[in-house]
């Protein structure tokens, strides 16, 4: 006889798998804050002990300065050195003020060279010197050499630890070498690596061998028979944006870095490139709004100073638009409806221009918008501006006609809408291209020029047409 309960279980639908949530949980953050407020040190320490260093960095960034200091004191010597590379620059500078230089130097010495450089480059020159003097000589030399490369370059981004082999070795030689776990100088091999680099006696790069190919090949095969000699090589002075583009374009997981003499000096891995992509995208997004990428963690006065200059520029553009309006003072006095409808034209042009501008700036950053296809892109945006302009001209024209019972006012705002939408599409594309041509970052200055053009053209077109046809 069949058990009804078992039949029910068979018919019951399978439970959906529980959704995995990664990162710092809000309830844990609240519990840590509560424990610190109550002075419950043991509970706070137990709560943060299992956290990954990246999640602990997020927690520290969300706490107040006093809470950060208390938590760092509670963690003490158990603090993972890798946390410093994950912290926002402003938060790290604050935390470094109440960590003893010798403790910070000890932590930096335990980090990968690229992470150590990322931490040290954010310190003041005097602090840098103090930390470097406390680091063992060999690590200090590698860090100082990395710091000699331009900021945001491949030389700053690369790891100095890599696996290199002479060209006369066989697959068996390199496998035995890897199993020993140390290089020729007795230093440990990197914990994570993806390729073996084949070099000549002067350390000039001869080729690259992925680990997957290495372990699928017989021991007696010479490395020179299976290495990739067409690998992508990065100069140490290459900008990190170019590095990120190369990794994205060629689906790389690692790439060798060479100096001016072609000698292998480091390797860049995809985990570091992911950080660069995130950093560059965030920077562009923030610059379009006129704020700094770490603005969230700055002191109030610093934030006020950084935003004031941008707002001052915007004030100047607003005054210019007001001057244009002032030219039609007599028209506005006779037809009050124009003052009510006027912001609609400028606002629609500004929003349409911002859409085009955002696409253009991002396309320039990813090299999808180039001088070759610029004319085609501009033509497309002009067509989009015309179509959207006509559609919204019909809509706003009808609304204005019914609102003020004037077909003429509806026609004027419809024509002005078409003009401003077309100009917005043209300006949103051409302004970034022009700024790149003259060597200015389009993410920094594009929005100011766009706002000025759409406001001035919008007011000029609407009020000018009104003065021509309505008076």
Protein backbone atom coordinates (compact mmCIF):
# COMPACT_ATOMS: atom_id res chain seq x y z
CA UNK A 1 0.00 0.00 0.00
CA UNK A 2 1.34 3.41 -0.96
CA UNK A 3 2.05 5.87 1.81
CA UNK A 4 -0.07 9.03 1.20
CA UNK A 5 2.63 11.17 2.72
CA UNK A 6 5.21 9.93 0.24
CA UNK A 7 2.78 10.54 -2.62
CA UNK A 8 2.31 14.11 -1.41
CA UNK A 9 6.06 14.60 -1.33
CA UNK A 10 6.34 13.33 -4.90
CA UNK A 11 3.64 15.67 -6.13
CA UNK A 12 4.97 18.69 -4.22
CA UNK A 13 6.96 21.03 -6.43
CA UNK A 14 10.67 21.26 -5.75
CA UNK A 15 11.73 24.23 -3.69
CA UNK A 16 13.54 26.93 -5.56
CA UNK A 17 17.19 27.16 -4.58
CA UNK A 18 17.90 29.83 -2.02
CA UNK A 19 19.22 33.02 -3.62
CA UNK A 20 22.84 33.57 -2.70
CA UNK A 21 23.71 37.03 -1.49
CA UNK A 22 27.31 38.14 -1.61
CA UNK A 23 28.91 41.06 0.14
CA UNK A 24 28.24 42.69 3.49
CA UNK A 25 24.79 42.01 4.96
CA UNK A 26 22.87 45.00 6.33
CA UNK A 27 21.90 43.15 9.54
CA UNK A 28 25.54 42.34 10.31
CA UNK A 29 26.50 45.97 9.78
CA UNK A 30 23.74 47.08 12.17
CA UNK A 31 24.83 44.53 14.78
CA UNK A 32 28.44 45.69 14.62
CA UNK A 33 27.38 49.32 15.07
CA UNK A 34 25.17 48.33 17.99
CA UNK A 35 27.98 46.35 19.64
CA UNK A 36 30.44 49.24 19.28
CA UNK A 37 27.90 51.67 20.74
CA UNK A 38 27.35 49.40 23.77
CA UNK A 39 31.06 48.76 24.20
CA UNK A 40 30.55 45.02 23.66
CA UNK A 41 34.03 44.39 22.27
CA UNK A 42 33.84 40.59 22.27
CA UNK A 43 30.62 40.53 20.24
CA UNK A 44 31.93 43.08 17.73
CA UNK A 45 35.14 41.09 17.31
CA UNK A 46 33.23 37.83 16.83
CA UNK A 47 30.96 39.44 14.23
CA UNK A 48 33.78 40.71 12.01
CA UNK A 49 36.18 37.79 12.46
CA UNK A 50 34.65 35.59 9.68
CA UNK A 51 34.44 38.44 7.17
CA UNK A 52 36.46 38.43 3.96
CA UNK A 53 38.89 41.35 3.88
CA UNK A 54 36.94 43.02 1.04
CA UNK A 55 33.72 42.86 3.08
CA UNK A 56 35.53 44.19 6.14
CA UNK A 57 36.78 47.10 4.02
CA UNK A 58 33.19 47.85 3.01
CA UNK A 59 32.17 47.77 6.66
CA UNK A 60 34.91 50.20 7.68
CA UNK A 61 33.89 52.60 4.90
CA UNK A 62 30.30 52.66 6.16
CA UNK A 63 31.19 53.35 9.79
CA UNK A 64 31.76 56.74 11.36
CA UNK A 65 35.38 57.82 12.04
CA UNK A 66 35.07 56.99 15.76
CA UNK A 67 33.56 53.59 14.99
CA UNK A 68 36.34 52.84 12.50
CA UNK A 69 38.98 53.65 15.05
CA UNK A 70 37.32 51.46 17.68
CA UNK A 71 36.95 48.52 15.31
CA UNK A 72 40.55 48.72 14.07
CA UNK A 73 41.67 48.72 17.71
CA UNK A 74 39.56 45.64 18.44
CA UNK A 75 40.88 43.68 15.45
CA UNK A 76 44.49 44.58 16.25
CA UNK A 77 47.11 42.22 14.86
CA UNK A 78 44.44 40.03 13.22
CA UNK A 79 43.79 42.68 10.58
CA UNK A 80 44.39 41.21 7.10
CA UNK A 81 46.94 43.42 5.27
CA UNK A 82 45.02 43.04 2.00
CA UNK A 83 42.21 45.15 3.44
CA UNK A 84 44.23 48.34 2.85
CA UNK A 85 44.17 47.85 -0.93
CA UNK A 86 40.36 47.57 -0.85
CA UNK A 87 39.69 50.76 1.12
CA UNK A 88 38.64 54.05 -0.43
CA UNK A 89 41.63 56.44 -0.59
CA UNK A 90 40.10 58.95 1.82
CA UNK A 91 39.17 56.27 4.36
CA UNK A 92 42.61 54.70 4.12
CA UNK A 93 44.31 58.05 4.75
CA UNK A 94 42.18 58.47 7.86
CA UNK A 95 42.90 54.94 9.14
CA UNK A 96 46.63 55.25 8.46
CA UNK A 97 46.78 58.20 10.87
CA UNK A 98 46.14 55.95 13.86
CA UNK A 99 48.14 52.91 12.79
CA UNK A 100 51.78 52.87 13.80
CA UNK A 101 54.11 53.30 10.80
CA UNK A 102 56.00 50.12 11.65
CA UNK A 103 52.73 48.13 11.74
CA UNK A 104 51.64 49.61 8.41
CA UNK A 105 55.06 48.87 6.92
CA UNK A 106 54.84 45.26 8.13
CA UNK A 107 51.40 44.91 6.52
CA UNK A 108 52.59 46.43 3.23
CA UNK A 109 55.56 44.06 3.14
CA UNK A 110 53.15 41.08 3.23
CA UNK A 111 51.08 42.33 0.29
CA UNK A 112 51.58 41.66 -3.41
CA UNK A 113 53.76 44.35 -4.95
CA UNK A 114 50.93 45.80 -7.06
CA UNK A 115 48.67 46.08 -4.00
CA UNK A 116 51.50 47.55 -1.93
CA UNK A 117 52.10 50.19 -4.60
CA UNK A 118 48.37 50.96 -4.69
CA UNK A 119 48.45 51.59 -0.93
CA UNK A 120 51.70 53.57 -0.73
CA UNK A 121 51.02 55.86 -3.70
CA UNK A 122 48.06 57.39 -1.83
CA UNK A 123 50.22 58.53 1.10
CA UNK A 124 51.95 61.88 1.45
CA UNK A 125 55.64 61.94 0.41
CA UNK A 126 56.85 62.04 4.04
CA UNK A 127 54.64 59.09 5.01
CA UNK A 128 55.74 57.18 1.92
CA UNK A 129 59.38 57.59 2.89
CA UNK A 130 58.71 56.53 6.47
CA UNK A 131 56.88 53.38 5.38
CA UNK A 132 59.41 52.48 2.68
CA UNK A 133 62.34 52.83 5.10
CA UNK A 134 60.68 50.27 7.37
CA UNK A 135 60.18 47.71 4.58
CA UNK A 136 62.85 45.06 3.88
CA UNK A 137 65.35 46.20 1.25
CA UNK A 138 64.37 43.74 -1.50
CA UNK A 139 60.64 44.54 -1.34
CA UNK A 140 61.42 48.25 -1.00
CA UNK A 141 63.44 48.24 -4.22
CA UNK A 142 60.59 46.62 -6.15
CA UNK A 143 58.02 49.07 -4.76
CA UNK A 144 60.22 52.09 -5.47
CA UNK A 145 60.80 50.90 -9.02
CA UNK A 146 57.04 50.54 -9.54
CA UNK A 147 56.46 54.02 -8.10
CA UNK A 148 58.90 55.42 -10.66
CA UNK A 149 56.41 54.64 -13.44
CA UNK A 150 53.69 57.19 -14.31
CA UNK A 151 50.54 57.19 -12.20
CA UNK A 152 47.73 54.99 -13.61
CA UNK A 153 50.21 53.16 -15.85
CA UNK A 154 50.81 49.45 -16.38
CA UNK A 155 54.01 49.74 -14.33
CA UNK A 156 51.97 50.71 -11.27
CA UNK A 157 49.35 48.03 -11.97
CA UNK A 158 51.57 45.03 -12.65
CA UNK A 159 52.65 42.26 -10.28
CA UNK A 160 56.38 41.79 -10.00
CA UNK A 161 56.11 38.06 -9.23
CA UNK A 162 55.81 35.81 -12.28
CA UNK A 163 57.05 32.46 -13.55
CA UNK A 164 59.80 32.66 -16.19
CA UNK A 165 61.75 29.87 -17.83
CA UNK A 166 64.75 29.74 -20.22
CA UNK A 167 64.08 28.90 -23.83
CA UNK A 168 66.15 25.67 -23.78
CA UNK A 169 63.92 24.01 -21.14
CA UNK A 170 61.47 21.22 -21.87
CA UNK A 171 57.96 20.77 -20.52
CA UNK A 172 59.36 18.33 -17.95
CA UNK A 173 61.87 20.91 -16.71
CA UNK A 174 59.21 23.54 -16.09
CA UNK A 175 56.82 21.06 -14.41
CA UNK A 176 59.57 19.99 -12.00
CA UNK A 177 60.41 23.64 -11.39
CA UNK A 178 56.80 24.47 -10.56
CA UNK A 179 56.53 21.52 -8.18
CA UNK A 180 59.52 22.79 -6.17
CA UNK A 181 57.53 25.96 -5.50
CA UNK A 182 60.54 28.31 -5.39
CA UNK A 183 62.47 30.21 -8.04
CA UNK A 184 66.21 30.15 -8.71
CA UNK A 185 66.84 32.59 -5.87
CA UNK A 186 64.86 30.52 -3.39
CA UNK A 187 61.90 32.91 -3.33
CA UNK A 188 58.41 31.37 -3.42
CA UNK A 189 56.57 31.31 -6.74
CA UNK A 190 53.40 33.40 -7.03
CA UNK A 191 50.34 31.84 -5.41
CA UNK A 192 48.19 32.44 -8.50
CA UNK A 193 49.43 32.59 -12.10
CA UNK A 194 48.10 31.62 -15.51
CA UNK A 195 51.08 31.58 -17.85
CA UNK A 196 54.75 30.66 -17.96
CA UNK A 197 56.91 33.24 -19.76
CA UNK A 198 59.87 32.05 -21.80
CA UNK A 199 62.81 34.47 -21.80
CA UNK A 200 66.37 34.68 -23.10
CA UNK A 201 69.38 35.26 -20.76
CA UNK A 202 68.75 39.05 -20.85
CA UNK A 203 65.11 38.46 -19.79
CA UNK A 204 63.80 39.57 -23.15
CA UNK A 205 60.45 37.91 -23.76
CA UNK A 206 60.47 35.05 -26.28
CA UNK A 207 56.97 33.69 -25.82
CA UNK A 208 54.22 32.68 -23.44
CA UNK A 209 52.83 29.29 -22.47
CA UNK A 210 49.38 28.94 -20.84
CA UNK A 211 49.25 26.39 -18.02
CA UNK A 212 46.49 24.46 -19.80
CA UNK A 213 48.77 23.89 -22.81
CA UNK A 214 51.71 23.05 -20.54
CA UNK A 215 49.93 20.23 -18.70
CA UNK A 216 48.51 18.74 -21.89
CA UNK A 217 51.96 18.32 -23.45
CA UNK A 218 54.47 15.48 -23.03
CA UNK A 219 57.47 16.12 -20.78
CA UNK A 220 60.10 15.76 -23.48
CA UNK A 221 58.68 18.49 -25.74
CA UNK A 222 60.78 21.69 -25.87
CA UNK A 223 59.09 24.88 -24.71
CA UNK A 224 60.05 26.65 -27.93
CA UNK A 225 57.83 24.22 -29.86
CA UNK A 226 54.62 25.11 -28.04
CA UNK A 227 54.98 28.70 -26.85
CA UNK A 228 52.81 31.52 -28.20
CA UNK A 229 55.12 34.03 -29.83
CA UNK A 230 52.25 36.29 -30.94
CA UNK A 231 51.11 37.17 -27.42
CA UNK A 232 50.03 40.69 -26.56
CA UNK A 233 52.82 42.57 -24.77
CA UNK A 234 52.19 45.70 -22.70
CA UNK A 235 54.70 48.49 -22.15
CA UNK A 236 55.21 49.51 -18.53
CA UNK A 237 54.28 53.11 -19.41
CA UNK A 238 50.95 52.19 -21.07
CA UNK A 239 47.93 53.92 -19.51
CA UNK A 240 45.72 51.61 -17.47
CA UNK A 241 42.70 52.47 -19.64
CA UNK A 242 44.56 51.06 -22.64
CA UNK A 243 45.38 47.95 -20.61
CA UNK A 244 41.72 47.47 -19.69
CA UNK A 245 40.71 47.91 -23.33
CA UNK A 246 43.21 45.26 -24.45
CA UNK A 247 41.99 42.75 -21.86
CA UNK A 248 38.35 43.35 -22.81
CA UNK A 249 39.02 43.24 -26.53
CA UNK A 250 41.15 40.10 -26.51
CA UNK A 251 39.54 38.25 -23.55
CA UNK A 252 42.87 38.01 -21.71
CA UNK A 253 43.39 36.66 -18.21
CA UNK A 254 46.99 37.85 -17.97
CA UNK A 255 49.54 39.72 -20.07
CA UNK A 256 53.31 40.34 -19.77
CA UNK A 257 54.71 43.81 -19.11
CA UNK A 258 58.06 44.86 -20.58
CA UNK A 259 60.33 47.87 -20.10
CA UNK A 260 61.73 50.11 -22.82
CA UNK A 261 64.42 47.52 -23.56
CA UNK A 262 61.88 44.74 -24.10
CA UNK A 263 62.81 42.97 -20.84
CA UNK A 264 60.08 41.22 -18.89
CA UNK A 265 59.44 43.17 -15.67
CA UNK A 266 55.98 42.06 -14.55
CA UNK A 267 52.58 40.65 -15.35
CA UNK A 268 49.06 42.08 -15.21
CA UNK A 269 46.22 39.73 -14.29
CA UNK A 270 42.51 40.06 -14.91
CA UNK A 271 41.61 40.62 -11.24
CA UNK A 272 43.51 43.91 -11.30
CA UNK A 273 41.98 44.88 -14.64
CA UNK A 274 38.47 44.38 -13.24
CA UNK A 275 39.30 47.01 -10.61
CA UNK A 276 40.56 49.37 -13.31
CA UNK A 277 37.40 48.96 -15.40
CA UNK A 278 35.24 49.67 -12.36
CA UNK A 279 37.39 52.65 -11.35
CA UNK A 280 37.43 54.24 -14.81
CA UNK A 281 33.68 53.78 -15.31
CA UNK A 282 32.98 55.31 -11.89
CA UNK A 283 35.32 58.22 -12.60
CA UNK A 284 33.61 59.04 -15.91
CA UNK A 285 30.17 58.85 -14.33
CA UNK A 286 31.17 61.15 -11.47
CA UNK A 287 32.95 63.65 -13.71
CA UNK A 288 29.86 63.99 -15.88
CA UNK A 289 28.07 65.23 -12.77
CA UNK A 290 30.99 67.41 -11.67
CA UNK A 291 31.91 65.45 -8.53
CA UNK A 292 34.91 63.39 -7.47
CA UNK A 293 34.79 59.60 -7.32
CA UNK A 294 35.55 59.49 -3.57
CA UNK A 295 33.31 62.46 -2.74
CA UNK A 296 31.15 60.26 -0.50
CA UNK A 297 33.90 59.92 2.13
CA UNK A 298 35.32 63.46 2.10
CA UNK A 299 34.77 65.90 4.93
CA UNK A 300 31.95 68.41 4.52
CA UNK A 301 34.25 71.37 3.80
CA UNK A 302 36.22 69.38 1.21
CA UNK A 303 32.99 68.36 -0.52
CA UNK A 304 31.74 71.96 -0.50
CA UNK A 305 35.00 73.20 -2.05
CA UNK A 306 35.06 70.52 -4.73
CA UNK A 307 31.46 71.15 -5.80
CA UNK A 308 31.50 74.94 -5.52
CA UNK A 309 33.69 75.51 -8.58
CA UNK A 310 31.49 73.32 -10.76
CA UNK A 311 28.32 75.00 -9.51
CA UNK A 312 29.94 78.40 -10.16
CA UNK A 313 30.47 77.45 -13.80
CA UNK A 314 26.85 76.36 -14.03
CA UNK A 315 25.80 79.69 -12.53
CA UNK A 316 27.64 81.43 -15.35
CA UNK A 317 25.79 79.36 -17.98
CA UNK A 318 22.48 80.11 -16.24
CA UNK A 319 23.25 83.84 -16.34
CA UNK A 320 23.99 83.57 -20.06
CA UNK A 321 20.62 81.89 -20.63
CA UNK A 322 18.94 84.64 -18.58
CA UNK A 323 20.59 87.29 -20.74
CA UNK A 324 19.03 85.65 -23.80
CA UNK A 325 15.64 85.73 -22.08
CA UNK A 326 16.18 89.40 -21.23
CA UNK A 327 16.51 90.23 -24.91
CA UNK A 328 12.85 89.28 -25.32
CA UNK A 329 11.53 91.09 -22.26
CA UNK A 330 8.97 93.04 -24.30
CA UNK A 331 7.69 89.85 -25.92
CA UNK A 332 7.25 88.15 -22.54
CA UNK A 333 5.38 91.15 -21.15
CA UNK A 334 2.83 91.02 -23.98
CA UNK A 335 2.41 87.23 -24.04
CA UNK A 336 2.63 85.81 -20.50
CA UNK A 337 1.98 82.28 -21.76
CA UNK A 338 5.50 82.22 -23.20
CA UNK A 339 7.02 82.42 -19.71
CA UNK A 340 4.97 79.38 -18.67
CA UNK A 341 5.91 77.28 -21.71
CA UNK A 342 9.52 78.41 -22.07
CA UNK A 343 11.10 75.93 -19.59
CA UNK A 344 9.54 73.00 -21.46
CA UNK A 345 11.60 73.59 -24.58
CA UNK A 346 14.89 74.04 -22.70
CA UNK A 347 14.26 71.05 -20.43
CA UNK A 348 13.43 68.67 -23.28
CA UNK A 349 16.51 69.77 -25.19
CA UNK A 350 18.71 69.33 -22.13
CA UNK A 351 17.42 65.82 -21.44
CA UNK A 352 17.73 64.74 -25.06
CA UNK A 353 21.25 66.14 -25.21
CA UNK A 354 22.24 64.37 -21.99
CA UNK A 355 21.10 61.02 -23.42
CA UNK A 356 23.24 61.52 -26.52
CA UNK A 357 26.16 62.89 -24.50
CA UNK A 358 26.23 59.91 -22.14
CA UNK A 359 26.29 57.45 -25.04
CA UNK A 360 29.02 59.42 -26.84
CA UNK A 361 31.32 59.80 -23.81
CA UNK A 362 31.05 56.10 -22.99
CA UNK A 363 31.62 55.14 -26.63
CA UNK A 364 34.77 57.28 -26.70
CA UNK A 365 36.04 55.62 -23.51
CA UNK A 366 35.53 52.15 -24.99
CA UNK A 367 36.91 53.20 -28.40
CA UNK A 368 33.59 52.44 -30.11
CA UNK A 369 33.34 56.05 -31.33
CA UNK A 370 36.29 56.97 -33.55
CA UNK A 371 37.04 59.51 -36.31
CA UNK A 372 36.18 56.76 -38.81
CA UNK A 373 32.57 56.32 -37.74
CA UNK A 374 32.00 59.77 -36.19
CA UNK A 375 30.11 61.12 -39.22
CA UNK A 376 27.77 58.13 -39.24
CA UNK A 377 27.08 58.46 -35.50
CA UNK A 378 26.45 62.21 -35.80
CA UNK A 379 24.08 61.56 -38.71
CA UNK A 380 22.19 58.97 -36.69
CA UNK A 381 21.81 61.32 -33.71
CA UNK A 382 20.61 64.11 -36.01
CA UNK A 383 17.96 61.78 -37.43
CA UNK A 384 16.93 60.69 -33.92
CA UNK A 385 16.71 64.36 -32.93
CA UNK A 386 14.52 65.17 -35.93
CA UNK A 387 12.11 62.26 -35.35
CA UNK A 388 11.84 62.82 -31.59
CA UNK A 389 11.59 66.55 -32.20
CA UNK A 390 8.65 66.11 -34.57
CA UNK A 391 6.88 63.68 -32.25
CA UNK A 392 7.23 65.88 -29.20
CA UNK A 393 6.48 68.97 -31.27
CA UNK A 394 3.09 67.51 -32.15
CA UNK A 395 2.44 66.53 -28.53
CA UNK A 396 3.50 69.82 -26.92
CA UNK A 397 1.94 71.86 -29.72
CA UNK A 398 -1.46 70.28 -29.10
CA UNK A 399 -1.13 70.70 -25.33
CA UNK A 400 -0.16 74.39 -25.68
CA UNK A 401 -2.96 74.99 -28.20
CA UNK A 402 -5.61 73.52 -25.87
CA UNK A 403 -4.09 75.10 -22.77
CA UNK A 404 -4.02 78.69 -24.04
CA UNK A 405 -6.61 78.33 -26.80
CA UNK A 406 -4.08 79.62 -29.34
CA UNK A 407 -3.08 77.68 -32.43
CA UNK A 408 -0.25 80.15 -33.04
CA UNK A 409 1.36 79.49 -29.62
CA UNK A 410 1.08 75.75 -30.26
CA UNK A 411 2.82 76.15 -33.61
CA UNK A 412 5.63 78.27 -32.14
CA UNK A 413 6.46 75.82 -29.36
CA UNK A 414 6.28 72.94 -31.85
CA UNK A 415 8.83 74.56 -34.15
CA UNK A 416 11.09 75.49 -31.22
CA UNK A 417 10.93 71.92 -29.94
CA UNK A 418 12.14 70.53 -33.27
CA UNK A 419 15.00 73.04 -33.44
CA UNK A 420 16.22 72.39 -29.90
CA UNK A 421 15.93 68.57 -30.09
CA UNK A 422 17.96 68.53 -33.31
CA UNK A 423 20.60 70.87 -31.85
CA UNK A 424 20.70 68.78 -28.65
CA UNK A 425 21.42 65.59 -30.62
CA UNK A 426 24.11 67.33 -32.64
CA UNK A 427 25.74 68.96 -29.60
CA UNK A 428 25.62 65.78 -27.49
CA UNK A 429 27.74 63.99 -30.09
CA UNK A 430 30.03 66.69 -31.40
CA UNK A 431 31.01 68.31 -28.08
CA UNK A 432 32.82 65.18 -26.75
CA UNK A 433 34.51 64.68 -30.14
CA UNK A 434 35.75 68.27 -30.21
CA UNK A 435 37.02 68.08 -26.62
CA UNK A 436 38.95 64.88 -27.37
CA UNK A 437 40.43 66.57 -30.45
CA UNK A 438 41.79 69.46 -28.34
CA UNK A 439 43.06 67.13 -25.60
CA UNK A 440 40.38 67.69 -22.94
CA UNK A 441 38.66 64.84 -21.08
CA UNK A 442 35.06 64.91 -22.44
CA UNK A 443 33.70 63.55 -19.17
CA UNK A 444 34.90 66.68 -17.36
CA UNK A 445 33.62 69.53 -19.53
CA UNK A 446 30.95 68.18 -21.90
CA UNK A 447 27.91 68.67 -19.68
CA UNK A 448 28.64 72.38 -19.08
CA UNK A 449 28.82 73.14 -22.80
CA UNK A 450 25.77 71.01 -23.53
CA UNK A 451 23.63 72.73 -20.89
CA UNK A 452 24.64 76.14 -22.19
CA UNK A 453 23.84 75.28 -25.81
CA UNK A 454 20.46 73.63 -25.15
CA UNK A 455 19.32 76.42 -22.81
CA UNK A 456 20.44 79.26 -25.05
CA UNK A 457 19.18 77.67 -28.27
CA UNK A 458 15.93 76.59 -26.64
CA UNK A 459 15.13 80.06 -25.30
CA UNK A 460 16.38 81.80 -28.44
CA UNK A 461 14.38 79.57 -30.77
CA UNK A 462 11.15 79.74 -28.75
CA UNK A 463 11.21 83.45 -27.94
CA UNK A 464 12.61 84.40 -31.34
CA UNK A 465 9.85 82.53 -33.17
CA UNK A 466 7.28 84.02 -30.82
CA UNK A 467 8.53 87.55 -31.47
CA UNK A 468 8.45 86.90 -35.22
CA UNK A 469 5.03 85.25 -35.56
CA UNK A 470 2.99 86.36 -32.56
CA UNK A 471 3.68 90.10 -32.39
